[in-house]
Amino acid sequence: MSFFEWNDGMSVGAHLIDSDHRALIAIINELHDMLEETDGAVDHVVLAKGFKELVTYTQYHFSREESMLCAVKYN
């Protein structure tokens, strides 16, 4: 079972944004699984790489979301 599960109530109705949110949840679940499977004794280099992926994708997502909202003049 996943640590964090997507459900339809989380949908914002925009396919690209919902897809990004699903991807972020997947990354979070990968990090959680990594820690669970090793009882917290995960290789710090591997863990740092996972967190870097999360930060990078989060920055990408918010940049794209902001651009999309500006394009439709959302206030």
PDB file of N, CA and C in Angstrom:
ATOM      1  N   MET A   1       0.835  -1.184   0.000  1.00  0.00           N
ATOM      2  CA  MET A   1       0.000   0.000   0.000  1.00  0.00           C
ATOM      3  C   MET A   1       0.882   1.250   0.000  1.00  0.00           C
ATOM      4  N   SER A   2       0.465   2.221  -0.760  1.00  0.00           N
ATOM      5  CA  SER A   2       1.230   3.460  -0.873  1.00  0.00           C
ATOM      6  C   SER A   2       1.086   4.312   0.382  1.00  0.00           C
ATOM      7  N   PHE A   3       2.114   5.058   0.665  1.00  0.00           N
ATOM      8  CA  PHE A   3       2.099   6.008   1.774  1.00  0.00           C
ATOM      9  C   PHE A   3       1.073   7.111   1.514  1.00  0.00           C
ATOM     10  N   PHE A   4       1.021   7.573   0.274  1.00  0.00           N
ATOM     11  CA  PHE A   4       0.165   8.688  -0.116  1.00  0.00           C
ATOM     12  C   PHE A   4      -0.525   8.273  -1.402  1.00  0.00           C
ATOM     13  N   GLU A   5      -1.844   8.208  -1.398  1.00  0.00           N
ATOM     14  CA  GLU A   5      -2.573   7.732  -2.567  1.00  0.00           C
ATOM     15  C   GLU A   5      -3.397   8.836  -3.202  1.00  0.00           C
ATOM     16  N   TRP A   6      -3.323   8.889  -4.525  1.00  0.00           N
ATOM     17  CA  TRP A   6      -4.135   9.815  -5.305  1.00  0.00           C
ATOM     18  C   TRP A   6      -5.587   9.361  -5.239  1.00  0.00           C
ATOM     19  N   ASN A   7      -6.487  10.340  -5.152  1.00  0.00           N
ATOM     20  CA  ASN A   7      -7.904  10.028  -5.313  1.00  0.00           C
ATOM     21  C   ASN A   7      -8.538  11.138  -6.132  1.00  0.00           C
ATOM     22  N   ASP A   8      -9.689  10.858  -6.704  1.00  0.00           N
ATOM     23  CA  ASP A   8     -10.328  11.812  -7.609  1.00  0.00           C
ATOM     24  C   ASP A   8     -10.663  13.145  -6.945  1.00  0.00           C
ATOM     25  N   GLY A   9     -10.796  13.167  -5.637  1.00  0.00           N
ATOM     26  CA  GLY A   9     -11.066  14.409  -4.926  1.00  0.00           C
ATOM     27  C   GLY A   9      -9.905  15.389  -4.993  1.00  0.00           C
ATOM     28  N   MET A  10      -8.728  14.906  -5.359  1.00  0.00           N
ATOM     29  CA  MET A  10      -7.545  15.764  -5.478  1.00  0.00           C
ATOM     30  C   MET A  10      -7.445  16.424  -6.843  1.00  0.00           C
ATOM     31  N   SER A  11      -8.244  15.966  -7.771  1.00  0.00           N
ATOM     32  CA  SER A  11      -8.176  16.479  -9.141  1.00  0.00           C
ATOM     33  C   SER A  11      -8.582  17.944  -9.195  1.00  0.00           C
ATOM     34  N   VAL A  12      -7.827  18.712  -9.973  1.00  0.00           N
ATOM     35  CA  VAL A  12      -8.190  20.109 -10.210  1.00  0.00           C
ATOM     36  C   VAL A  12      -8.878  20.258 -11.563  1.00  0.00           C
ATOM     37  N   GLY A  13      -8.981  19.148 -12.290  1.00  0.00           N
ATOM     38  CA  GLY A  13      -9.682  19.157 -13.571  1.00  0.00           C
ATOM     39  C   GLY A  13      -8.833  19.561 -14.764  1.00  0.00           C
ATOM     40  N   ALA A  14      -7.566  19.808 -14.539  1.00  0.00           N
ATOM     41  CA  ALA A  14      -6.644  20.147 -15.630  1.00  0.00           C
ATOM     42  C   ALA A  14      -5.676  18.976 -15.769  1.00  0.00           C
ATOM     43  N   HIS A  15      -5.722  18.309 -16.909  1.00  0.00           N
ATOM     44  CA  HIS A  15      -4.960  17.071 -17.095  1.00  0.00           C
ATOM     45  C   HIS A  15      -3.473  17.225 -16.768  1.00  0.00           C
ATOM     46  N   LEU A  16      -2.831  18.266 -17.276  1.00  0.00           N
ATOM     47  CA  LEU A  16      -1.387  18.430 -17.046  1.00  0.00           C
ATOM     48  C   LEU A  16      -1.061  18.640 -15.568  1.00  0.00           C
ATOM     49  N   ILE A  17      -1.864  19.443 -14.901  1.00  0.00           N
ATOM     50  CA  ILE A  17      -1.613  19.697 -13.476  1.00  0.00           C
ATOM     51  C   ILE A  17      -1.877  18.436 -12.667  1.00  0.00           C
ATOM     52  N   ASP A  18      -2.989  17.750 -12.968  1.00  0.00           N
ATOM     53  CA  ASP A  18      -3.278  16.496 -12.269  1.00  0.00           C
ATOM     54  C   ASP A  18      -2.177  15.469 -12.512  1.00  0.00           C
ATOM     55  N   SER A  19      -1.660  15.432 -13.724  1.00  0.00           N
ATOM     56  CA  SER A  19      -0.572  14.509 -14.051  1.00  0.00           C
ATOM     57  C   SER A  19       0.680  14.834 -13.238  1.00  0.00           C
ATOM     58  N   ASP A  20       0.989  16.111 -13.111  1.00  0.00           N
ATOM     59  CA  ASP A  20       2.126  16.531 -12.285  1.00  0.00           C
ATOM     60  C   ASP A  20       1.913  16.123 -10.831  1.00  0.00           C
ATOM     61  N   HIS A  21       0.703  16.327 -10.330  1.00  0.00           N
ATOM     62  CA  HIS A  21       0.417  15.977  -8.939  1.00  0.00           C
ATOM     63  C   HIS A  21       0.584  14.473  -8.719  1.00  0.00           C
ATOM     64  N   ARG A  22       0.138  13.681  -9.684  1.00  0.00           N
ATOM     65  CA  ARG A  22       0.332  12.223  -9.583  1.00  0.00           C
ATOM     66  C   ARG A  22       1.827  11.877  -9.573  1.00  0.00           C
ATOM     67  N   ALA A  23       2.595  12.567 -10.400  1.00  0.00           N
ATOM     68  CA  ALA A  23       4.040  12.319 -10.452  1.00  0.00           C
ATOM     69  C   ALA A  23       4.706  12.685  -9.126  1.00  0.00           C
ATOM     70  N   LEU A  24       4.295  13.792  -8.536  1.00  0.00           N
ATOM     71  CA  LEU A  24       4.851  14.191  -7.240  1.00  0.00           C
ATOM     72  C   LEU A  24       4.520  13.159  -6.168  1.00  0.00           C
ATOM     73  N   ILE A  25       3.297  12.658  -6.183  1.00  0.00           N
ATOM     74  CA  ILE A  25       2.903  11.620  -5.229  1.00  0.00           C
ATOM     75  C   ILE A  25       3.756  10.372  -5.431  1.00  0.00           C
ATOM     76  N   ALA A  26       4.019  10.015  -6.675  1.00  0.00           N
ATOM     77  CA  ALA A  26       4.849   8.836  -6.963  1.00  0.00           C
ATOM     78  C   ALA A  26       6.260   9.010  -6.406  1.00  0.00           C
ATOM     79  N   ILE A  27       6.833  10.190  -6.563  1.00  0.00           N
ATOM     80  CA  ILE A  27       8.182  10.446  -6.041  1.00  0.00           C
ATOM     81  C   ILE A  27       8.183  10.358  -4.520  1.00  0.00           C
ATOM     82  N   ILE A  28       7.175  10.953  -3.885  1.00  0.00           N
ATOM     83  CA  ILE A  28       7.063  10.894  -2.422  1.00  0.00           C
ATOM     84  C   ILE A  28       6.955   9.442  -1.964  1.00  0.00           C
ATOM     85  N   ASN A  29       6.142   8.661  -2.658  1.00  0.00           N
ATOM     86  CA  ASN A  29       5.992   7.251  -2.295  1.00  0.00           C
ATOM     87  C   ASN A  29       7.289   6.471  -2.475  1.00  0.00           C
ATOM     88  N   GLU A  30       8.055   6.792  -3.518  1.00  0.00           N
ATOM     89  CA  GLU A  30       9.352   6.131  -3.716  1.00  0.00           C
ATOM     90  C   GLU A  30      10.297   6.433  -2.556  1.00  0.00           C
ATOM     91  N   LEU A  31      10.325   7.693  -2.127  1.00  0.00           N
ATOM     92  CA  LEU A  31      11.171   8.063  -0.990  1.00  0.00           C
ATOM     93  C   LEU A  31      10.725   7.336   0.273  1.00  0.00           C
ATOM     94  N   HIS A  32       9.439   7.295   0.499  1.00  0.00           N
ATOM     95  CA  HIS A  32       8.900   6.612   1.678  1.00  0.00           C
ATOM     96  C   HIS A  32       9.260   5.128   1.647  1.00  0.00           C
ATOM     97  N   ASP A  33       9.037   4.493   0.496  1.00  0.00           N
ATOM     98  CA  ASP A  33       9.347   3.065   0.371  1.00  0.00           C
ATOM     99  C   ASP A  33      10.826   2.795   0.611  1.00  0.00           C
ATOM    100  N   MET A  34      11.668   3.673   0.097  1.00  0.00           N
ATOM    101  CA  MET A  34      13.107   3.530   0.271  1.00  0.00           C
ATOM    102  C   MET A  34      13.465   3.521   1.761  1.00  0.00           C
ATOM    103  N   LEU A  35      12.853   4.412   2.510  1.00  0.00           N
ATOM    104  CA  LEU A  35      13.124   4.490   3.944  1.00  0.00           C
ATOM    105  C   LEU A  35      12.528   3.303   4.695  1.00  0.00           C
ATOM    106  N   GLU A  36      11.323   2.908   4.320  1.00  0.00           N
ATOM    107  CA  GLU A  36      10.663   1.779   4.976  1.00  0.00           C
ATOM    108  C   GLU A  36      11.416   0.471   4.743  1.00  0.00           C
ATOM    109  N   GLU A  37      11.843   0.244   3.522  1.00  0.00           N
ATOM    110  CA  GLU A  37      12.493  -1.016   3.160  1.00  0.00           C
ATOM    111  C   GLU A  37      13.855  -1.186   3.814  1.00  0.00           C
ATOM    112  N   THR A  38      14.458  -0.092   4.211  1.00  0.00           N
ATOM    113  CA  THR A  38      15.799  -0.165   4.801  1.00  0.00           C
ATOM    114  C   THR A  38      15.794   0.203   6.280  1.00  0.00           C
ATOM    115  N   ASP A  39      14.608   0.334   6.866  1.00  0.00           N
ATOM    116  CA  ASP A  39      14.484   0.772   8.263  1.00  0.00           C
ATOM    117  C   ASP A  39      15.273   2.054   8.522  1.00  0.00           C
ATOM    118  N   GLY A  40      15.290   2.934   7.538  1.00  0.00           N
ATOM    119  CA  GLY A  40      15.967   4.215   7.681  1.00  0.00           C
ATOM    120  C   GLY A  40      17.461   4.166   7.414  1.00  0.00           C
ATOM    121  N   ALA A  41      17.980   2.981   7.092  1.00  0.00           N
ATOM    122  CA  ALA A  41      19.422   2.838   6.866  1.00  0.00           C
ATOM    123  C   ALA A  41      19.767   2.946   5.386  1.00  0.00           C
ATOM    124  N   VAL A  42      19.027   3.746   4.676  1.00  0.00           N
ATOM    125  CA  VAL A  42      19.239   3.916   3.241  1.00  0.00           C
ATOM    126  C   VAL A  42      20.544   4.673   2.991  1.00  0.00           C
ATOM    127  N   ASP A  43      21.173   4.377   1.889  1.00  0.00           N
ATOM    128  CA  ASP A  43      22.388   5.079   1.473  1.00  0.00           C
ATOM    129  C   ASP A  43      22.055   6.565   1.330  1.00  0.00           C
ATOM    130  N   HIS A  44      22.800   7.408   2.009  1.00  0.00           N
ATOM    131  CA  HIS A  44      22.513   8.844   2.003  1.00  0.00           C
ATOM    132  C   HIS A  44      22.643   9.467   0.621  1.00  0.00           C
ATOM    133  N   VAL A  45      23.516   8.930  -0.196  1.00  0.00           N
ATOM    134  CA  VAL A  45      23.670   9.441  -1.561  1.00  0.00           C
ATOM    135  C   VAL A  45      22.401   9.150  -2.361  1.00  0.00           C
ATOM    136  N   VAL A  46      21.877   7.944  -2.208  1.00  0.00           N
ATOM    137  CA  VAL A  46      20.645   7.557  -2.901  1.00  0.00           C
ATOM    138  C   VAL A  46      19.475   8.400  -2.396  1.00  0.00           C
ATOM    139  N   LEU A  47      19.398   8.590  -1.087  1.00  0.00           N
ATOM    140  CA  LEU A  47      18.329   9.396  -0.503  1.00  0.00           C
ATOM    141  C   LEU A  47      18.415  10.846  -0.981  1.00  0.00           C
ATOM    142  N   ALA A  48      19.610  11.404  -1.005  1.00  0.00           N
ATOM    143  CA  ALA A  48      19.795  12.778  -1.479  1.00  0.00           C
ATOM    144  C   ALA A  48      19.365  12.908  -2.934  1.00  0.00           C
ATOM    145  N   LYS A  49      19.673  11.903  -3.741  1.00  0.00           N
ATOM    146  CA  LYS A  49      19.259  11.915  -5.144  1.00  0.00           C
ATOM    147  C   LYS A  49      17.735  11.914  -5.247  1.00  0.00           C
ATOM    148  N   GLY A  50      17.069  11.128  -4.401  1.00  0.00           N
ATOM    149  CA  GLY A  50      15.611  11.090  -4.392  1.00  0.00           C
ATOM    150  C   GLY A  50      15.005  12.429  -4.004  1.00  0.00           C
ATOM    151  N   PHE A  51      15.570  13.066  -2.984  1.00  0.00           N
ATOM    152  CA  PHE A  51      15.064  14.380  -2.575  1.00  0.00           C
ATOM    153  C   PHE A  51      15.354  15.438  -3.632  1.00  0.00           C
ATOM    154  N   LYS A  52      16.496  15.327  -4.294  1.00  0.00           N
ATOM    155  CA  LYS A  52      16.808  16.272  -5.372  1.00  0.00           C
ATOM    156  C   LYS A  52      15.781  16.131  -6.493  1.00  0.00           C
ATOM    157  N   GLU A  53      15.407  14.892  -6.809  1.00  0.00           N
ATOM    158  CA  GLU A  53      14.379  14.660  -7.825  1.00  0.00           C
ATOM    159  C   GLU A  53      13.060  15.308  -7.405  1.00  0.00           C
ATOM    160  N   LEU A  54      12.698  15.167  -6.132  1.00  0.00           N
ATOM    161  CA  LEU A  54      11.461  15.767  -5.635  1.00  0.00           C
ATOM    162  C   LEU A  54      11.506  17.290  -5.744  1.00  0.00           C
ATOM    163  N   VAL A  55      12.594  17.896  -5.330  1.00  0.00           N
ATOM    164  CA  VAL A  55      12.726  19.356  -5.395  1.00  0.00           C
ATOM    165  C   VAL A  55      12.705  19.832  -6.844  1.00  0.00           C
ATOM    166  N   THR A  56      13.449  19.166  -7.701  1.00  0.00           N
ATOM    167  CA  THR A  56      13.511  19.552  -9.116  1.00  0.00           C
ATOM    168  C   THR A  56      12.140  19.456  -9.769  1.00  0.00           C
ATOM    169  N   TYR A  57      11.435  18.359  -9.529  1.00  0.00           N
ATOM    170  CA  TYR A  57      10.120  18.189 -10.149  1.00  0.00           C
ATOM    171  C   TYR A  57       9.119  19.184  -9.567  1.00  0.00           C
ATOM    172  N   THR A  58       9.225  19.471  -8.279  1.00  0.00           N
ATOM    173  CA  THR A  58       8.332  20.448  -7.651  1.00  0.00           C
ATOM    174  C   THR A  58       8.545  21.828  -8.268  1.00  0.00           C
ATOM    175  N   GLN A  59       9.795  22.222  -8.469  1.00  0.00           N
ATOM    176  CA  GLN A  59      10.087  23.510  -9.101  1.00  0.00           C
ATOM    177  C   GLN A  59       9.539  23.551 -10.518  1.00  0.00           C
ATOM    178  N   TYR A  60       9.754  22.475 -11.268  1.00  0.00           N
ATOM    179  CA  TYR A  60       9.225  22.372 -12.633  1.00  0.00           C
ATOM    180  C   TYR A  60       7.704  22.502 -12.623  1.00  0.00           C
ATOM    181  N   HIS A  61       7.068  21.764 -11.727  1.00  0.00           N
ATOM    182  CA  HIS A  61       5.604  21.772 -11.664  1.00  0.00           C
ATOM    183  C   HIS A  61       5.062  23.170 -11.381  1.00  0.00           C
ATOM    184  N   PHE A  62       5.583  23.832 -10.361  1.00  0.00           N
ATOM    185  CA  PHE A  62       5.047  25.148 -10.015  1.00  0.00           C
ATOM    186  C   PHE A  62       5.332  26.181 -11.093  1.00  0.00           C
ATOM    187  N   SER A  63       6.460  26.084 -11.751  1.00  0.00           N
ATOM    188  CA  SER A  63       6.754  26.988 -12.863  1.00  0.00           C
ATOM    189  C   SER A  63       5.744  26.782 -13.989  1.00  0.00           C
ATOM    190  N   ARG A  64       5.494  25.524 -14.323  1.00  0.00           N
ATOM    191  CA  ARG A  64       4.535  25.225 -15.388  1.00  0.00           C
ATOM    192  C   ARG A  64       3.120  25.636 -14.980  1.00  0.00           C
ATOM    193  N   GLU A  65       2.741  25.340 -13.755  1.00  0.00           N
ATOM    194  CA  GLU A  65       1.402  25.695 -13.287  1.00  0.00           C
ATOM    195  C   GLU A  65       1.208  27.211 -13.316  1.00  0.00           C
ATOM    196  N   GLU A  66       2.211  27.951 -12.867  1.00  0.00           N
ATOM    197  CA  GLU A  66       2.123  29.411 -12.884  1.00  0.00           C
ATOM    198  C   GLU A  66       1.985  29.931 -14.312  1.00  0.00           C
ATOM    199  N   SER A  67       2.745  29.372 -15.234  1.00  0.00           N
ATOM    200  CA  SER A  67       2.649  29.780 -16.644  1.00  0.00           C
ATOM    201  C   SER A  67       1.264  29.502 -17.206  1.00  0.00           C
ATOM    202  N   MET A  68       0.718  28.341 -16.864  1.00  0.00           N
ATOM    203  CA  MET A  68      -0.620  27.991 -17.339  1.00  0.00           C
ATOM    204  C   MET A  68      -1.669  28.950 -16.781  1.00  0.00           C
ATOM    205  N   LEU A  69      -1.538  29.296 -15.512  1.00  0.00           N
ATOM    206  CA  LEU A  69      -2.505  30.207 -14.894  1.00  0.00           C
ATOM    207  C   LEU A  69      -2.383  31.613 -15.477  1.00  0.00           C
ATOM    208  N   CYS A  70      -1.169  32.056 -15.740  1.00  0.00           N
ATOM    209  CA  CYS A  70      -0.971  33.368 -16.368  1.00  0.00           C
ATOM    210  C   CYS A  70      -1.559  33.391 -17.775  1.00  0.00           C
ATOM    211  N   ALA A  71      -1.426  32.288 -18.498  1.00  0.00           N
ATOM    212  CA  ALA A  71      -1.930  32.217 -19.875  1.00  0.00           C
ATOM    213  C   ALA A  71      -3.442  32.393 -19.946  1.00  0.00           C
ATOM    214  N   VAL A  72      -4.129  31.970 -18.887  1.00  0.00           N
ATOM    215  CA  VAL A  72      -5.597  32.123 -18.873  1.00  0.00           C
ATOM    216  C   VAL A  72      -6.022  33.312 -18.011  1.00  0.00           C
ATOM    217  N   LYS A  73      -5.023  34.127 -17.619  1.00  0.00           N
ATOM    218  CA  LYS A  73      -5.258  35.328 -16.811  1.00  0.00           C
ATOM    219  C   LYS A  73      -6.021  35.020 -15.516  1.00  0.00           C
ATOM    220  N   TYR A  74      -5.601  33.936 -14.850  1.00  0.00           N
ATOM    221  CA  TYR A  74      -6.202  33.529 -13.579  1.00  0.00           C
ATOM    222  C   TYR A  74      -5.697  34.451 -12.477  1.00  0.00           C
ATOM    223  N   ASN A  75      -6.587  34.937 -11.661  1.00  0.00           N
ATOM    224  CA  ASN A  75      -6.195  35.823 -10.546  1.00  0.00           C
ATOM    225  C   ASN A  75      -6.284  35.089  -9.250  1.00  0.00           C
TER     226      ASN A  75
END
